[in-house]
N, C-alpha and C. Protein backbone atom coordinates (compact mmCIF):
# COMPACT_ATOMS: atom_id res chain seq x y z
N UNK A 1 0.84 -1.23 -0.01
CA UNK A 1 0.04 -0.06 0.04
C UNK A 1 0.92 1.20 -0.04
N UNK A 2 0.60 2.12 -0.94
CA UNK A 2 1.42 3.33 -1.05
C UNK A 2 0.91 4.54 -0.11
N UNK A 3 1.76 5.23 0.36
CA UNK A 3 1.39 6.43 1.13
C UNK A 3 0.50 7.32 0.26
N UNK A 4 0.74 7.36 -1.08
CA UNK A 4 -0.09 8.28 -1.94
C UNK A 4 -1.70 7.72 -1.88
N UNK A 5 -1.90 6.52 -1.81
CA UNK A 5 -3.31 6.07 -1.79
C UNK A 5 -3.82 6.49 -0.41
N UNK A 6 -3.16 6.40 0.66
CA UNK A 6 -3.59 6.78 1.85
C UNK A 6 -4.03 8.28 1.83
N UNK A 7 -3.16 9.13 1.30
CA UNK A 7 -3.40 10.58 1.25
C UNK A 7 -4.61 10.81 0.52
N UNK A 8 -4.70 10.10 -0.65
CA UNK A 8 -5.86 10.21 -1.58
C UNK A 8 -7.13 9.89 -0.92
N UNK A 9 -7.10 8.83 -0.06
CA UNK A 9 -8.39 8.43 0.79
C UNK A 9 -8.64 9.57 1.69
N UNK A 10 -7.75 10.15 2.50
CA UNK A 10 -7.98 11.17 3.40
C UNK A 10 -8.50 12.35 2.55
N UNK A 11 -7.90 12.75 1.52
CA UNK A 11 -8.29 13.96 0.62
C UNK A 11 -9.73 13.67 0.23
N UNK A 12 -10.08 12.52 -0.20
CA UNK A 12 -11.47 12.24 -0.63
C UNK A 12 -12.44 12.48 0.46
N UNK A 13 -12.20 11.93 1.55
CA UNK A 13 -13.17 11.95 2.73
C UNK A 13 -13.27 13.51 3.25
N UNK A 14 -12.10 14.13 3.21
CA UNK A 14 -12.15 15.60 3.58
C UNK A 14 -12.95 16.43 2.66
N UNK A 15 -12.92 16.05 1.42
CA UNK A 15 -13.77 16.81 0.33
C UNK A 15 -15.28 16.40 0.47
N UNK A 16 -15.45 15.16 0.88
CA UNK A 16 -16.96 14.77 0.97
C UNK A 16 -17.50 15.20 2.34
N UNK A 17 -16.78 15.24 3.38
CA UNK A 17 -17.19 15.59 4.71
C UNK A 17 -16.27 16.66 5.25
N UNK A 18 -16.45 17.86 4.79
CA UNK A 18 -15.49 18.89 5.18
C UNK A 18 -15.46 19.32 6.64
N UNK A 19 -16.51 18.95 7.39
CA UNK A 19 -16.57 19.15 8.79
C UNK A 19 -15.98 18.03 9.73
N UNK A 20 -15.24 17.10 9.04
CA UNK A 20 -14.67 16.01 9.77
C UNK A 20 -13.76 16.57 10.83
N UNK A 21 -13.80 15.99 11.98
CA UNK A 21 -13.02 16.34 13.18
C UNK A 21 -11.86 15.32 13.27
N UNK A 22 -10.84 15.60 14.01
CA UNK A 22 -9.80 14.66 14.22
C UNK A 22 -10.32 13.16 14.53
N UNK A 23 -11.29 13.16 15.35
CA UNK A 23 -11.79 11.83 15.63
C UNK A 23 -12.41 11.00 14.51
N UNK A 24 -12.99 11.82 13.65
CA UNK A 24 -13.52 11.21 12.45
C UNK A 24 -12.40 10.71 11.47
N UNK A 25 -11.30 11.38 11.39
CA UNK A 25 -10.12 10.88 10.65
C UNK A 25 -9.67 9.59 11.33
N UNK A 26 -9.55 9.60 12.56
CA UNK A 26 -9.19 8.38 13.39
C UNK A 26 -10.12 7.29 13.07
N UNK A 27 -11.36 7.39 13.13
CA UNK A 27 -12.42 6.46 12.90
C UNK A 27 -12.19 5.94 11.47
N UNK A 28 -12.04 6.78 10.50
CA UNK A 28 -11.83 6.21 9.14
C UNK A 28 -10.51 5.42 9.09
N UNK A 29 -9.47 5.75 9.63
CA UNK A 29 -8.19 4.92 9.59
C UNK A 29 -8.29 3.64 10.45
N UNK A 30 -9.18 3.74 11.50
CA UNK A 30 -9.33 2.56 12.39
C UNK A 30 -10.25 1.51 11.72
N UNK A 31 -11.21 2.07 10.97
CA UNK A 31 -11.97 1.13 10.17
C UNK A 31 -11.15 0.46 9.04
N UNK A 32 -10.32 1.20 8.44
CA UNK A 32 -9.38 0.68 7.45
C UNK A 32 -8.46 -0.45 7.98
N UNK A 33 -8.02 -0.15 9.19
CA UNK A 33 -7.06 -1.14 9.86
C UNK A 33 -7.75 -2.38 10.47
N UNK A 34 -8.91 -2.07 11.09
CA UNK A 34 -9.58 -3.12 11.98
C UNK A 34 -10.91 -3.62 11.30
N UNK A 35 -11.46 -2.97 10.29
CA UNK A 35 -12.76 -3.34 9.74
C UNK A 35 -13.80 -3.24 10.80
N UNK A 36 -14.76 -4.21 10.69
CA UNK A 36 -15.89 -4.01 11.62
C UNK A 36 -15.84 -4.92 12.97
N UNK A 37 -14.67 -5.44 13.12
CA UNK A 37 -14.51 -6.47 14.25
C UNK A 37 -14.82 -6.00 15.58
N UNK A 38 -14.50 -4.63 15.90
CA UNK A 38 -14.70 -4.18 17.26
C UNK A 38 -16.22 -4.06 17.60
N UNK A 39 -17.11 -4.22 16.62
CA UNK A 39 -18.47 -3.99 16.87
C UNK A 39 -19.27 -5.28 17.20
N UNK A 40 -18.61 -6.47 16.99
CA UNK A 40 -19.27 -7.54 17.24
C UNK A 40 -19.03 -8.32 18.50
N UNK A 41 -19.69 -7.92 19.49
CA UNK A 41 -19.47 -8.59 20.84
C UNK A 41 -20.23 -9.86 20.79
N UNK A 42 -21.44 -9.82 20.16
CA UNK A 42 -22.19 -10.92 20.04
C UNK A 42 -23.13 -10.72 18.69
N UNK A 43 -23.49 -11.89 17.98
CA UNK A 43 -24.24 -11.68 16.90
C UNK A 43 -25.72 -11.20 17.20
N UNK A 44 -26.12 -11.60 18.34
CA UNK A 44 -27.53 -11.18 18.79
C UNK A 44 -27.48 -9.57 19.03
N UNK A 45 -26.42 -9.20 19.78
CA UNK A 45 -26.26 -7.72 19.97
C UNK A 45 -26.20 -7.02 18.62
N UNK A 46 -25.26 -7.55 17.80
CA UNK A 46 -25.19 -6.89 16.38
C UNK A 46 -26.43 -6.79 15.70
N UNK A 47 -27.25 -7.88 15.65
CA UNK A 47 -28.58 -7.91 14.98
C UNK A 47 -29.55 -6.83 15.58
N UNK A 48 -29.54 -6.86 16.89
CA UNK A 48 -30.41 -5.88 17.57
C UNK A 48 -29.99 -4.42 17.19
N UNK A 49 -28.79 -4.10 17.26
CA UNK A 49 -28.36 -2.80 16.97
C UNK A 49 -28.65 -2.50 15.49
N UNK A 50 -28.40 -3.48 14.51
CA UNK A 50 -28.77 -3.20 13.16
C UNK A 50 -30.18 -2.93 12.94
N UNK A 51 -31.07 -3.73 13.66
CA UNK A 51 -32.46 -3.53 13.46
C UNK A 51 -32.89 -2.22 14.11
N UNK A 52 -32.34 -1.78 15.22
CA UNK A 52 -32.69 -0.52 15.76
C UNK A 52 -32.25 0.58 14.81
N UNK A 53 -31.05 0.56 14.41
CA UNK A 53 -30.57 1.64 13.38
C UNK A 53 -31.39 1.71 12.13
N UNK A 54 -31.67 0.52 11.55
CA UNK A 54 -32.58 0.55 10.39
C UNK A 54 -33.87 1.00 10.52
N UNK A 55 -34.41 0.85 11.72
CA UNK A 55 -35.75 1.34 12.06
C UNK A 55 -35.72 2.83 12.31
N UNK A 56 -34.58 3.48 12.40
CA UNK A 56 -34.50 4.92 12.57
C UNK A 56 -34.19 5.80 11.31
N UNK A 57 -33.84 5.05 10.23
CA UNK A 57 -33.45 5.74 9.00
C UNK A 57 -34.63 5.52 8.00
N UNK A 58 -34.69 6.39 7.06
CA UNK A 58 -35.69 6.28 6.02
C UNK A 58 -34.97 5.74 4.81
N UNK A 59 -35.42 4.64 4.21
CA UNK A 59 -34.76 4.31 2.91
C UNK A 59 -34.71 5.43 1.83
N UNK A 60 -33.59 5.56 1.24
CA UNK A 60 -33.44 6.66 0.23
C UNK A 60 -32.34 6.24 -0.79
N UNK A 61 -32.62 6.47 -2.02
CA UNK A 61 -31.73 6.20 -3.04
C UNK A 61 -30.59 7.23 -3.23
N UNK A 62 -30.83 8.32 -2.39
CA UNK A 62 -29.63 9.41 -2.40
C UNK A 62 -28.51 8.96 -1.84
N UNK A 63 -27.36 9.39 -2.32
CA UNK A 63 -26.05 9.04 -1.81
C UNK A 63 -25.53 7.62 -2.21
N UNK A 64 -24.31 7.35 -1.97
CA UNK A 64 -23.64 6.13 -2.43
C UNK A 64 -24.22 4.97 -1.50
N UNK A 65 -24.22 3.84 -2.14
CA UNK A 65 -24.36 2.67 -1.39
C UNK A 65 -23.13 2.20 -0.72
N UNK A 66 -22.06 2.33 -1.35
CA UNK A 66 -20.73 1.88 -0.87
C UNK A 66 -19.69 3.09 -0.91
N UNK A 67 -18.90 3.07 0.07
CA UNK A 67 -17.84 4.11 0.12
C UNK A 67 -16.58 3.56 0.73
N UNK A 68 -15.54 3.57 0.02
CA UNK A 68 -14.13 2.99 0.51
C UNK A 68 -13.77 3.72 1.73
N UNK A 69 -13.24 2.89 2.68
CA UNK A 69 -12.57 3.50 3.86
C UNK A 69 -11.13 2.91 4.01
N UNK A 70 -10.59 2.38 2.90
CA UNK A 70 -9.32 1.69 2.89
C UNK A 70 -8.53 2.23 1.68
N UNK A 71 -7.18 2.38 1.80
CA UNK A 71 -6.47 2.90 0.67
C UNK A 71 -6.48 2.06 -0.48
N UNK A 72 -6.66 0.82 -0.27
CA UNK A 72 -6.78 -0.17 -1.38
C UNK A 72 -8.06 -0.72 -1.67
N UNK A 73 -9.06 0.06 -1.06
CA UNK A 73 -10.55 -0.29 -1.22
C UNK A 73 -10.93 -1.76 -0.81
N UNK A 74 -10.17 -2.34 0.18
CA UNK A 74 -10.46 -3.53 0.71
C UNK A 74 -11.59 -3.60 1.82
N UNK A 75 -11.83 -2.28 2.37
CA UNK A 75 -12.75 -2.15 3.33
C UNK A 75 -13.71 -1.07 2.94
N UNK A 76 -15.13 -1.21 3.11
CA UNK A 76 -16.05 -0.22 2.60
C UNK A 76 -17.05 -0.18 3.75
N UNK A 77 -17.76 1.06 3.56
CA UNK A 77 -18.89 1.40 4.48
C UNK A 77 -20.13 1.11 3.50
N UNK A 78 -21.05 0.30 3.95
CA UNK A 78 -22.31 0.15 3.17
C UNK A 78 -23.32 0.89 3.88
N UNK A 79 -23.95 1.90 3.27
CA UNK A 79 -24.87 2.84 3.95
C UNK A 79 -26.32 2.24 3.83
N UNK A 80 -26.96 2.27 4.98
CA UNK A 80 -28.26 1.72 5.26
C UNK A 80 -29.39 2.24 4.48
N UNK A 81 -29.40 3.55 4.20
CA UNK A 81 -30.59 4.14 3.48
C UNK A 81 -30.62 3.69 2.04
N UNK A 82 -29.52 3.66 1.27
CA UNK A 82 -29.64 3.12 -0.15
C UNK A 82 -29.80 1.66 -0.12
N UNK A 83 -29.16 0.99 0.95
CA UNK A 83 -29.29 -0.46 0.97
C UNK A 83 -30.73 -0.91 1.12
N UNK A 84 -31.49 -0.24 2.05
CA UNK A 84 -32.81 -0.65 2.32
C UNK A 84 -33.71 -0.09 1.08
N UNK A 85 -33.35 0.94 0.50
CA UNK A 85 -34.09 1.46 -0.64
C UNK A 85 -34.02 0.59 -1.81
N UNK A 86 -32.90 -0.26 -2.00
CA UNK A 86 -32.87 -1.16 -3.11
C UNK A 86 -33.30 -2.53 -2.82
N UNK A 87 -34.05 -2.61 -1.49
CA UNK A 87 -34.58 -3.85 -1.28
C UNK A 87 -33.60 -4.87 -0.32
N UNK A 88 -32.59 -4.21 0.15
CA UNK A 88 -31.65 -4.95 0.90
C UNK A 88 -32.26 -5.58 2.22
N UNK A 89 -31.75 -6.80 2.43
CA UNK A 89 -32.35 -7.65 3.58
C UNK A 89 -31.39 -7.44 4.73
N UNK A 90 -31.98 -7.24 5.89
CA UNK A 90 -31.11 -7.09 7.10
C UNK A 90 -30.33 -8.30 7.50
N UNK A 91 -31.05 -9.43 7.36
CA UNK A 91 -30.45 -10.73 7.73
C UNK A 91 -29.12 -10.88 6.79
N UNK A 92 -29.21 -10.68 5.52
CA UNK A 92 -28.07 -10.81 4.72
C UNK A 92 -26.95 -9.84 5.02
N UNK A 93 -27.34 -8.66 5.38
CA UNK A 93 -26.40 -7.61 5.76
C UNK A 93 -25.73 -7.99 7.07
N UNK A 94 -26.45 -8.52 7.99
CA UNK A 94 -25.81 -8.99 9.29
C UNK A 94 -24.84 -10.12 9.04
N UNK A 95 -25.23 -10.99 8.19
CA UNK A 95 -24.38 -12.17 7.92
C UNK A 95 -23.01 -11.60 7.20
N UNK A 96 -23.09 -10.75 6.35
CA UNK A 96 -21.93 -10.17 5.73
C UNK A 96 -21.09 -9.44 6.62
N UNK A 97 -21.69 -8.75 7.55
CA UNK A 97 -21.06 -7.99 8.59
C UNK A 97 -20.31 -8.80 9.51
N UNK A 98 -20.91 -9.94 9.93
CA UNK A 98 -20.24 -10.89 10.84
C UNK A 98 -19.02 -11.61 10.07
N UNK A 99 -19.30 -11.99 8.86
CA UNK A 99 -18.33 -12.65 8.13
C UNK A 99 -17.05 -11.63 7.90
N UNK A 100 -17.35 -10.43 7.64
CA UNK A 100 -16.28 -9.45 7.52
C UNK A 100 -15.47 -9.35 8.76
N UNK A 101 -16.21 -9.20 9.92
CA UNK A 101 -15.51 -9.11 11.14
C UNK A 101 -14.59 -10.35 11.42
N UNK A 102 -15.01 -11.37 10.97
CA UNK A 102 -14.26 -12.74 11.14
C UNK A 102 -13.03 -12.64 10.17
N UNK A 103 -13.05 -12.02 9.03
CA UNK A 103 -12.09 -12.01 8.13
C UNK A 103 -10.84 -10.93 8.32
N UNK A 104 -11.27 -9.89 9.05
CA UNK A 104 -10.32 -8.74 9.39
C UNK A 104 -9.81 -8.84 10.68
N UNK A 105 -8.52 -9.16 10.75
CA UNK A 105 -7.89 -9.34 12.15
C UNK A 105 -7.46 -7.98 12.81
N UNK A 106 -7.28 -6.99 11.96
CA UNK A 106 -6.82 -5.75 12.65
C UNK A 106 -5.33 -5.71 12.75
N UNK A 107 -4.74 -4.53 12.52
CA UNK A 107 -3.32 -4.26 12.62
C UNK A 107 -3.02 -2.93 13.25
N UNK A 108 -2.71 -3.01 14.60
CA UNK A 108 -2.38 -1.80 15.34
C UNK A 108 -1.14 -1.15 14.75
N UNK A 109 -0.27 -1.91 14.29
CA UNK A 109 1.01 -1.33 13.73
C UNK A 109 0.68 -0.50 12.45
N UNK A 110 -0.13 -1.02 11.70
CA UNK A 110 -0.61 -0.42 10.42
C UNK A 110 -1.44 0.93 10.78
N UNK A 111 -2.26 0.88 11.75
CA UNK A 111 -2.90 2.06 12.25
C UNK A 111 -1.99 3.11 12.73
N UNK A 112 -1.06 2.71 13.53
CA UNK A 112 -0.02 3.62 13.98
C UNK A 112 0.71 4.30 12.78
N UNK A 113 1.04 3.51 11.78
CA UNK A 113 1.73 4.04 10.68
C UNK A 113 0.91 5.04 9.92
N UNK A 114 -0.33 4.71 9.70
CA UNK A 114 -1.22 5.51 9.05
C UNK A 114 -1.44 6.91 9.74
N UNK A 115 -1.49 6.76 11.18
CA UNK A 115 -1.64 7.94 11.89
C UNK A 115 -0.52 8.82 11.79
N UNK A 116 0.70 8.31 11.74
CA UNK A 116 1.87 9.15 11.57
C UNK A 116 1.88 9.83 10.22
N UNK A 117 1.30 9.28 9.15
CA UNK A 117 1.23 9.96 7.94
C UNK A 117 0.16 11.12 8.07
N UNK A 118 -1.00 10.78 8.60
CA UNK A 118 -2.02 11.86 8.95
C UNK A 118 -1.32 13.02 9.64
N UNK A 119 -0.62 12.74 10.78
CA UNK A 119 -0.02 13.79 11.55
C UNK A 119 0.85 14.61 10.66
N UNK A 120 1.63 13.91 9.78
CA UNK A 120 2.51 14.73 8.87
C UNK A 120 1.87 15.62 7.91
N UNK A 121 0.55 15.16 7.47
CA UNK A 121 -0.24 15.99 6.64
C UNK A 121 -0.75 17.23 7.38
N UNK A 122 -0.67 17.29 8.55
CA UNK A 122 -1.18 18.37 9.39
C UNK A 122 -0.07 19.57 9.52
N UNK A 123 1.16 19.25 8.96
CA UNK A 123 2.19 20.25 9.07
C UNK A 123 1.99 21.40 8.04
N UNK A 124 2.50 22.51 8.40
CA UNK A 124 2.23 23.75 7.60
C UNK A 124 2.47 23.48 6.10
N UNK A 125 1.47 23.99 5.36
CA UNK A 125 1.66 23.95 3.83
C UNK A 125 1.05 22.49 3.27
N UNK A 126 0.72 21.59 4.14
CA UNK A 126 0.24 20.33 3.68
C UNK A 126 -1.24 20.14 3.64
N UNK A 127 -1.59 19.04 3.22
CA UNK A 127 -3.15 18.78 3.00
C UNK A 127 -4.06 19.18 4.19
N UNK A 128 -3.74 18.80 5.32
CA UNK A 128 -4.63 18.97 6.45
C UNK A 128 -4.22 20.29 7.24
N UNK A 129 -3.27 20.92 6.91
CA UNK A 129 -2.82 22.11 7.81
C UNK A 129 -3.76 23.21 8.12
N UNK A 130 -4.69 23.34 7.15
CA UNK A 130 -5.59 24.42 7.29
C UNK A 130 -6.92 23.87 8.13
N UNK A 131 -6.93 22.62 8.33
CA UNK A 131 -8.03 22.05 9.12
C UNK A 131 -7.69 21.62 10.46
N UNK A 132 -6.62 21.01 10.76
CA UNK A 132 -6.19 20.39 11.99
C UNK A 132 -4.79 21.00 12.36
N UNK A 133 -4.55 21.13 13.62
CA UNK A 133 -3.31 21.50 14.28
C UNK A 133 -2.40 20.28 14.44
N UNK A 134 -1.24 20.21 13.92
CA UNK A 134 -0.38 19.12 13.97
C UNK A 134 -0.21 18.66 15.47
N UNK A 135 -0.11 19.50 16.37
CA UNK A 135 0.07 19.23 17.82
C UNK A 135 -1.22 18.46 18.32
N UNK A 136 -2.40 19.00 17.86
CA UNK A 136 -3.60 18.38 18.40
C UNK A 136 -3.70 16.89 17.83
N UNK A 137 -3.42 16.76 16.48
CA UNK A 137 -3.32 15.37 15.89
C UNK A 137 -2.35 14.38 16.61
N UNK A 138 -1.27 14.99 16.94
CA UNK A 138 -0.09 14.11 17.67
C UNK A 138 -0.67 13.79 19.07
N UNK A 139 -1.27 14.70 19.81
CA UNK A 139 -1.85 14.41 21.10
C UNK A 139 -2.98 13.34 21.01
N UNK A 140 -3.81 13.50 20.09
CA UNK A 140 -4.92 12.65 19.87
C UNK A 140 -4.30 11.11 19.63
N UNK A 141 -3.40 11.14 18.78
CA UNK A 141 -2.75 9.78 18.35
C UNK A 141 -2.09 9.16 19.59
N UNK A 142 -1.33 9.96 20.32
CA UNK A 142 -0.59 9.53 21.44
C UNK A 142 -1.62 8.87 22.52
N UNK A 143 -2.75 9.57 22.74
CA UNK A 143 -3.73 9.14 23.83
C UNK A 143 -4.31 7.81 23.17
N UNK A 144 -4.66 7.76 21.99
CA UNK A 144 -5.22 6.51 21.37
C UNK A 144 -4.29 5.30 21.46
N UNK A 145 -3.06 5.49 21.25
CA UNK A 145 -1.84 4.56 21.29
C UNK A 145 -1.93 4.02 22.79
N UNK A 146 -1.90 4.91 23.74
CA UNK A 146 -1.89 4.48 25.14
C UNK A 146 -3.01 3.66 25.47
N UNK A 147 -4.18 3.82 24.94
CA UNK A 147 -5.37 3.20 25.10
C UNK A 147 -5.44 1.90 24.27
N UNK A 148 -4.48 1.57 23.44
CA UNK A 148 -4.38 0.45 22.62
C UNK A 148 -5.20 0.52 21.36
N UNK A 149 -5.23 1.74 20.87
CA UNK A 149 -5.93 2.05 19.50
C UNK A 149 -7.30 1.53 19.48
N UNK A 150 -8.27 2.04 20.50
CA UNK A 150 -9.56 1.51 20.52
C UNK A 150 -10.44 2.12 19.34
N UNK A 151 -11.58 1.61 19.21
CA UNK A 151 -12.47 2.22 18.28
C UNK A 151 -13.09 3.44 19.04
N UNK A 152 -13.59 4.43 18.28
CA UNK A 152 -14.25 5.69 18.78
C UNK A 152 -15.51 5.87 17.93
N UNK A 153 -16.35 6.64 18.49
CA UNK A 153 -17.49 7.22 17.76
C UNK A 153 -17.21 8.37 16.84
N UNK A 154 -18.09 8.51 15.90
CA UNK A 154 -17.82 9.81 15.17
C UNK A 154 -18.09 10.95 16.11
N UNK A 155 -17.41 12.25 15.58
CA UNK A 155 -17.55 13.34 16.43
C UNK A 155 -19.10 13.80 16.51
N UNK A 156 -19.48 14.52 17.44
CA UNK A 156 -20.92 15.07 17.50
C UNK A 156 -21.09 15.92 16.23
N UNK A 157 -20.17 16.66 15.82
CA UNK A 157 -20.36 17.61 14.61
C UNK A 157 -20.66 16.70 13.35
N UNK A 158 -19.80 15.69 13.18
CA UNK A 158 -19.91 14.67 12.04
C UNK A 158 -21.27 14.06 12.08
N UNK A 159 -21.75 13.63 13.27
CA UNK A 159 -23.05 12.87 13.43
C UNK A 159 -24.20 13.81 13.13
N UNK A 160 -24.09 15.01 13.63
CA UNK A 160 -25.18 15.92 13.33
C UNK A 160 -25.39 16.37 11.88
N UNK A 161 -24.22 16.59 11.20
CA UNK A 161 -24.17 17.00 9.86
C UNK A 161 -24.41 15.91 8.91
N UNK A 162 -23.80 14.71 9.08
CA UNK A 162 -23.86 13.73 8.09
C UNK A 162 -24.74 12.54 8.33
N UNK A 163 -25.24 12.48 9.60
CA UNK A 163 -26.15 11.38 10.10
C UNK A 163 -25.63 10.04 9.49
N UNK A 164 -24.47 9.48 9.92
CA UNK A 164 -24.05 8.29 9.35
C UNK A 164 -24.88 7.04 9.78
N UNK A 165 -25.16 6.22 8.90
CA UNK A 165 -25.96 5.04 9.20
C UNK A 165 -25.40 3.96 8.28
N UNK A 166 -24.36 3.05 8.67
CA UNK A 166 -23.68 2.26 7.81
C UNK A 166 -23.18 0.99 8.53
N UNK A 167 -22.77 0.00 7.74
CA UNK A 167 -21.99 -1.05 8.35
C UNK A 167 -20.72 -1.24 7.51
N UNK A 168 -19.59 -1.52 8.30
CA UNK A 168 -18.25 -1.66 7.68
C UNK A 168 -18.17 -3.12 7.20
N UNK A 169 -17.77 -3.35 5.91
CA UNK A 169 -17.74 -4.59 5.39
C UNK A 169 -16.35 -4.79 4.62
N UNK A 170 -16.00 -6.08 4.40
CA UNK A 170 -14.92 -6.26 3.43
C UNK A 170 -15.48 -5.98 1.97
N UNK A 171 -14.65 -5.61 1.10
CA UNK A 171 -15.14 -5.41 -0.32
C UNK A 171 -15.72 -6.69 -0.86
N UNK A 172 -15.20 -7.72 -0.41
CA UNK A 172 -15.62 -8.92 -1.01
C UNK A 172 -17.10 -9.23 -0.61
N UNK A 173 -17.38 -9.08 0.66
CA UNK A 173 -18.71 -9.33 1.20
C UNK A 173 -19.75 -8.20 0.66
N UNK A 174 -19.22 -7.03 0.43
CA UNK A 174 -20.07 -6.01 -0.10
C UNK A 174 -20.44 -6.33 -1.63
N UNK A 175 -19.49 -6.89 -2.35
CA UNK A 175 -19.69 -7.31 -3.70
C UNK A 175 -20.76 -8.40 -3.80
N UNK A 176 -20.69 -9.42 -2.75
CA UNK A 176 -21.67 -10.43 -2.78
C UNK A 176 -23.01 -9.98 -2.40
N UNK A 177 -23.25 -8.93 -1.62
CA UNK A 177 -24.47 -8.38 -1.39
C UNK A 177 -24.89 -7.63 -2.55
N UNK A 178 -24.06 -6.92 -3.26
CA UNK A 178 -24.61 -6.20 -4.52
C UNK A 178 -24.97 -7.15 -5.51
N UNK A 179 -24.35 -8.38 -5.64
CA UNK A 179 -24.79 -9.40 -6.66
C UNK A 179 -26.18 -9.88 -6.22
N UNK A 180 -26.41 -10.12 -4.99
CA UNK A 180 -27.75 -10.55 -4.40
C UNK A 180 -28.83 -9.50 -4.79
N UNK A 181 -28.46 -8.20 -4.60
CA UNK A 181 -29.47 -7.15 -4.89
C UNK A 181 -29.63 -6.87 -6.44
N UNK A 182 -28.79 -7.32 -7.21
CA UNK A 182 -28.65 -7.11 -8.63
C UNK A 182 -28.32 -5.59 -8.97
N UNK A 183 -27.47 -5.11 -8.13
CA UNK A 183 -27.02 -3.79 -8.39
C UNK A 183 -25.47 -3.73 -8.53
N UNK A 184 -24.96 -2.72 -9.31
CA UNK A 184 -23.62 -2.80 -9.64
C UNK A 184 -22.68 -2.48 -8.37
N UNK A 185 -21.50 -3.04 -8.31
CA UNK A 185 -20.58 -2.71 -7.21
C UNK A 185 -19.95 -1.51 -7.56
N UNK A 186 -20.32 -0.42 -7.06
CA UNK A 186 -19.86 0.92 -7.33
C UNK A 186 -19.39 1.53 -6.12
N UNK A 187 -18.12 1.52 -5.81
CA UNK A 187 -17.53 1.99 -4.68
C UNK A 187 -17.05 3.54 -4.88
N UNK A 188 -17.46 4.42 -4.06
CA UNK A 188 -16.99 5.88 -4.16
C UNK A 188 -15.97 6.11 -3.26
């Protein structure tokens, strides 16, 4: 994986979500490194949370079905609104979600390396310098490292503005779901 693809991923998400906070960049990189594994304490709990979240959103064809969160497009977010609008089945999504969690082991060293790249992008004159302070990015990363690189929630600003409702899947599992739905595998 090249550093250029990581920078392109961050650039794409900043363009799509200009109000991203440092926690949201971290969440993006965490999902790339760990996939959905941190969310599956039990299949029953995962099912209940998926049903709860699906019940809170209105199906809509607006927006992408799939969005890459990995520099090599190996991990994607599958958005619930368009998934439900295309006739997506929650049981099939849950099974794909669980299989994805089983397939991605997570790599704390990779996340640490990606975070260092992000910190570098916060230096004066670089991609993130006008959005984030390098010192703040370094402190955030240092705290997460001491905590063992845990999963975090989206920032309140991100949540309020973008109302995220998705599941993180491997690209392979997302492709299988798209074939079931009869929709093209189109990752943005």
